[in-house]
N, C-alpha and C. Protein backbone atom coordinates (compact mmCIF):
# COMPACT_ATOMS: atom_id res chain seq x y z
N ALA A 1 76.93 131.00 42.89
CA ALA A 1 77.71 132.13 43.35
C ALA A 1 78.46 132.72 42.17
N VAL A 2 78.64 134.03 42.24
CA VAL A 2 79.38 134.74 41.22
C VAL A 2 80.40 135.62 41.93
N VAL A 3 81.64 135.56 41.48
CA VAL A 3 82.69 136.43 42.00
C VAL A 3 83.25 137.21 40.82
N ILE A 4 83.24 138.52 40.95
CA ILE A 4 83.76 139.39 39.90
C ILE A 4 84.97 140.15 40.43
N LYS A 5 86.07 140.09 39.70
CA LYS A 5 87.25 140.90 40.04
C LYS A 5 87.25 142.09 39.09
N CYS A 6 87.13 143.28 39.65
CA CYS A 6 87.12 144.50 38.87
C CYS A 6 88.54 144.98 38.65
N SER A 7 88.79 145.58 37.51
CA SER A 7 90.13 146.09 37.22
C SER A 7 90.49 147.28 38.08
N ASP A 8 89.49 147.92 38.64
CA ASP A 8 89.68 149.09 39.48
C ASP A 8 88.60 149.09 40.55
N SER A 9 88.94 149.46 41.77
CA SER A 9 87.97 149.43 42.86
C SER A 9 86.80 150.38 42.64
N SER A 10 86.95 151.34 41.75
CA SER A 10 85.85 152.28 41.49
C SER A 10 84.67 151.59 40.79
N TYR A 11 84.89 150.41 40.22
CA TYR A 11 83.82 149.69 39.53
C TYR A 11 83.04 148.76 40.47
N VAL A 12 83.56 148.53 41.65
CA VAL A 12 82.95 147.56 42.57
C VAL A 12 81.52 147.95 42.92
N SER A 13 81.27 149.21 43.22
CA SER A 13 79.91 149.63 43.58
C SER A 13 78.96 149.48 42.39
N GLU A 14 79.46 149.67 41.18
CA GLU A 14 78.63 149.48 40.00
C GLU A 14 78.25 148.00 39.85
N VAL A 15 79.20 147.12 40.06
CA VAL A 15 78.92 145.69 39.97
C VAL A 15 77.95 145.28 41.07
N LYS A 16 78.12 145.81 42.28
CA LYS A 16 77.20 145.52 43.37
C LYS A 16 75.78 145.93 42.99
N GLY A 17 75.63 147.09 42.39
CA GLY A 17 74.32 147.55 41.92
C GLY A 17 73.72 146.64 40.86
N LEU A 18 74.57 146.14 39.97
CA LEU A 18 74.10 145.21 38.95
C LEU A 18 73.64 143.90 39.57
N PHE A 19 74.36 143.43 40.59
CA PHE A 19 73.94 142.22 41.31
C PHE A 19 72.58 142.44 41.95
N GLU A 20 72.40 143.60 42.60
CA GLU A 20 71.13 143.91 43.26
C GLU A 20 69.98 143.93 42.25
N THR A 21 70.23 144.52 41.09
CA THR A 21 69.22 144.57 40.03
C THR A 21 68.91 143.16 39.53
N ARG A 22 69.94 142.34 39.38
CA ARG A 22 69.75 140.95 38.92
C ARG A 22 68.87 140.17 39.90
N VAL A 23 69.13 140.32 41.18
CA VAL A 23 68.35 139.61 42.19
C VAL A 23 66.90 140.07 42.14
N LYS A 24 66.68 141.39 42.06
CA LYS A 24 65.31 141.91 42.02
C LYS A 24 64.55 141.39 40.79
N LYS A 25 65.19 141.40 39.63
CA LYS A 25 64.53 140.90 38.42
C LYS A 25 64.25 139.40 38.53
N SER A 26 65.16 138.68 39.15
CA SER A 26 64.96 137.24 39.32
C SER A 26 63.81 136.96 40.27
N VAL A 27 63.68 137.75 41.33
CA VAL A 27 62.55 137.61 42.25
C VAL A 27 61.25 137.83 41.50
N ASP A 28 61.21 138.87 40.69
CA ASP A 28 60.01 139.15 39.90
C ASP A 28 59.68 137.98 38.97
N LEU A 29 60.68 137.40 38.36
CA LEU A 29 60.48 136.30 37.43
C LEU A 29 60.00 135.04 38.14
N TYR A 30 60.68 134.66 39.22
CA TYR A 30 60.38 133.41 39.91
C TYR A 30 59.14 133.48 40.80
N SER A 31 58.72 134.65 41.19
CA SER A 31 57.62 134.76 42.15
C SER A 31 56.33 134.11 41.67
N SER A 32 56.14 134.02 40.38
CA SER A 32 54.91 133.44 39.87
C SER A 32 54.92 131.92 39.81
N TYR A 33 56.10 131.28 39.91
CA TYR A 33 56.09 129.82 39.76
C TYR A 33 57.10 129.05 40.60
N ASN A 34 57.99 129.71 41.31
CA ASN A 34 58.99 128.97 42.08
C ASN A 34 59.28 129.67 43.40
N ALA A 35 58.38 129.51 44.35
CA ALA A 35 58.49 130.21 45.64
C ALA A 35 59.75 129.84 46.41
N ASP A 36 60.22 128.60 46.29
CA ASP A 36 61.44 128.20 46.99
C ASP A 36 62.63 129.02 46.52
N GLU A 37 62.71 129.27 45.23
CA GLU A 37 63.83 130.05 44.71
C GLU A 37 63.72 131.51 45.15
N VAL A 38 62.51 132.03 45.25
CA VAL A 38 62.32 133.40 45.72
C VAL A 38 62.86 133.55 47.14
N LYS A 39 62.61 132.55 47.97
CA LYS A 39 63.14 132.58 49.34
C LYS A 39 64.67 132.69 49.32
N ASN A 40 65.31 131.91 48.47
CA ASN A 40 66.77 131.98 48.36
C ASN A 40 67.22 133.34 47.83
N LEU A 41 66.49 133.87 46.87
CA LEU A 41 66.84 135.18 46.32
C LEU A 41 66.64 136.29 47.34
N ASP A 42 65.59 136.17 48.16
CA ASP A 42 65.36 137.18 49.20
C ASP A 42 66.51 137.20 50.21
N ASN A 43 67.19 136.08 50.34
CA ASN A 43 68.32 135.98 51.27
C ASN A 43 69.67 136.03 50.56
N ALA A 44 69.68 136.52 49.32
CA ALA A 44 70.93 136.60 48.55
C ALA A 44 71.98 137.40 49.31
N ILE A 45 73.21 136.94 49.20
CA ILE A 45 74.33 137.62 49.84
C ILE A 45 75.08 138.39 48.75
N ILE A 46 75.23 139.68 48.97
CA ILE A 46 75.99 140.53 48.07
C ILE A 46 77.01 141.24 48.92
N LYS A 47 78.29 141.02 48.63
CA LYS A 47 79.36 141.62 49.41
C LYS A 47 80.45 142.12 48.49
N THR A 48 81.23 143.06 49.03
CA THR A 48 82.38 143.57 48.29
C THR A 48 83.59 143.60 49.21
N SER A 49 84.76 143.50 48.61
CA SER A 49 86.02 143.63 49.33
C SER A 49 87.10 143.95 48.31
N GLY A 50 87.77 145.07 48.52
CA GLY A 50 88.82 145.46 47.57
C GLY A 50 88.25 145.61 46.17
N ASN A 51 88.82 144.89 45.23
CA ASN A 51 88.37 144.94 43.84
C ASN A 51 87.36 143.85 43.50
N TYR A 52 86.83 143.17 44.51
CA TYR A 52 85.94 142.03 44.29
C TYR A 52 84.52 142.33 44.73
N ALA A 53 83.58 141.74 43.98
CA ALA A 53 82.17 141.76 44.34
C ALA A 53 81.66 140.33 44.23
N VAL A 54 80.83 139.93 45.19
CA VAL A 54 80.34 138.56 45.25
C VAL A 54 78.82 138.57 45.36
N LEU A 55 78.20 137.68 44.61
CA LEU A 55 76.77 137.40 44.70
C LEU A 55 76.62 135.92 44.98
N CYS A 56 75.91 135.59 46.04
CA CYS A 56 75.70 134.19 46.40
C CYS A 56 74.23 133.97 46.71
N VAL A 57 73.61 133.05 45.97
CA VAL A 57 72.22 132.67 46.20
C VAL A 57 72.24 131.20 46.60
N THR A 58 71.80 130.92 47.82
CA THR A 58 71.87 129.57 48.35
C THR A 58 70.79 129.35 49.40
N ASN A 59 70.53 128.10 49.69
CA ASN A 59 69.59 127.81 50.77
C ASN A 59 70.33 127.63 52.10
N ASP A 60 71.66 127.74 52.09
CA ASP A 60 72.47 127.62 53.30
C ASP A 60 73.31 128.89 53.46
N THR A 61 72.65 129.97 53.84
CA THR A 61 73.36 131.25 53.94
C THR A 61 74.40 131.24 55.06
N ALA A 62 74.17 130.48 56.12
CA ALA A 62 75.15 130.43 57.21
C ALA A 62 76.48 129.87 56.72
N ALA A 63 76.43 128.79 55.95
CA ALA A 63 77.65 128.21 55.40
C ALA A 63 78.32 129.16 54.41
N ALA A 64 77.51 129.82 53.59
CA ALA A 64 78.06 130.76 52.63
C ALA A 64 78.72 131.94 53.33
N GLU A 65 78.08 132.45 54.37
CA GLU A 65 78.65 133.57 55.14
C GLU A 65 79.99 133.16 55.75
N LYS A 66 80.07 131.94 56.25
CA LYS A 66 81.31 131.44 56.84
C LYS A 66 82.44 131.40 55.80
N VAL A 67 82.14 130.85 54.64
CA VAL A 67 83.14 130.76 53.57
C VAL A 67 83.57 132.16 53.13
N LEU A 68 82.60 133.05 52.97
CA LEU A 68 82.94 134.42 52.56
C LEU A 68 83.77 135.14 53.60
N LYS A 69 83.45 134.94 54.86
CA LYS A 69 84.23 135.57 55.93
C LYS A 69 85.68 135.08 55.91
N GLU A 70 85.84 133.77 55.71
CA GLU A 70 87.19 133.20 55.64
C GLU A 70 87.96 133.74 54.43
N ALA A 71 87.23 134.14 53.40
CA ALA A 71 87.86 134.67 52.19
C ALA A 71 88.06 136.19 52.26
N GLY A 72 87.67 136.80 53.38
CA GLY A 72 87.91 138.23 53.54
C GLY A 72 86.74 139.14 53.22
N PHE A 73 85.55 138.57 53.12
CA PHE A 73 84.37 139.38 52.81
C PHE A 73 83.56 139.64 54.05
């Protein structure tokens, strides 16, 4: 998981876009040799709240969603 605190909320959408690009490039990279990781990447969680952006890649998205919800995402 990665949590980024932006100095200004105007940067949050830019960071979210960078996370989306990172996930897509990782899917392209892993698709040829690590299908299990691709599954996790396909289910990546990208959320924003206030000045924060979060990227979470896990095999337990339900638990991650719960933690993020409790943290305000």
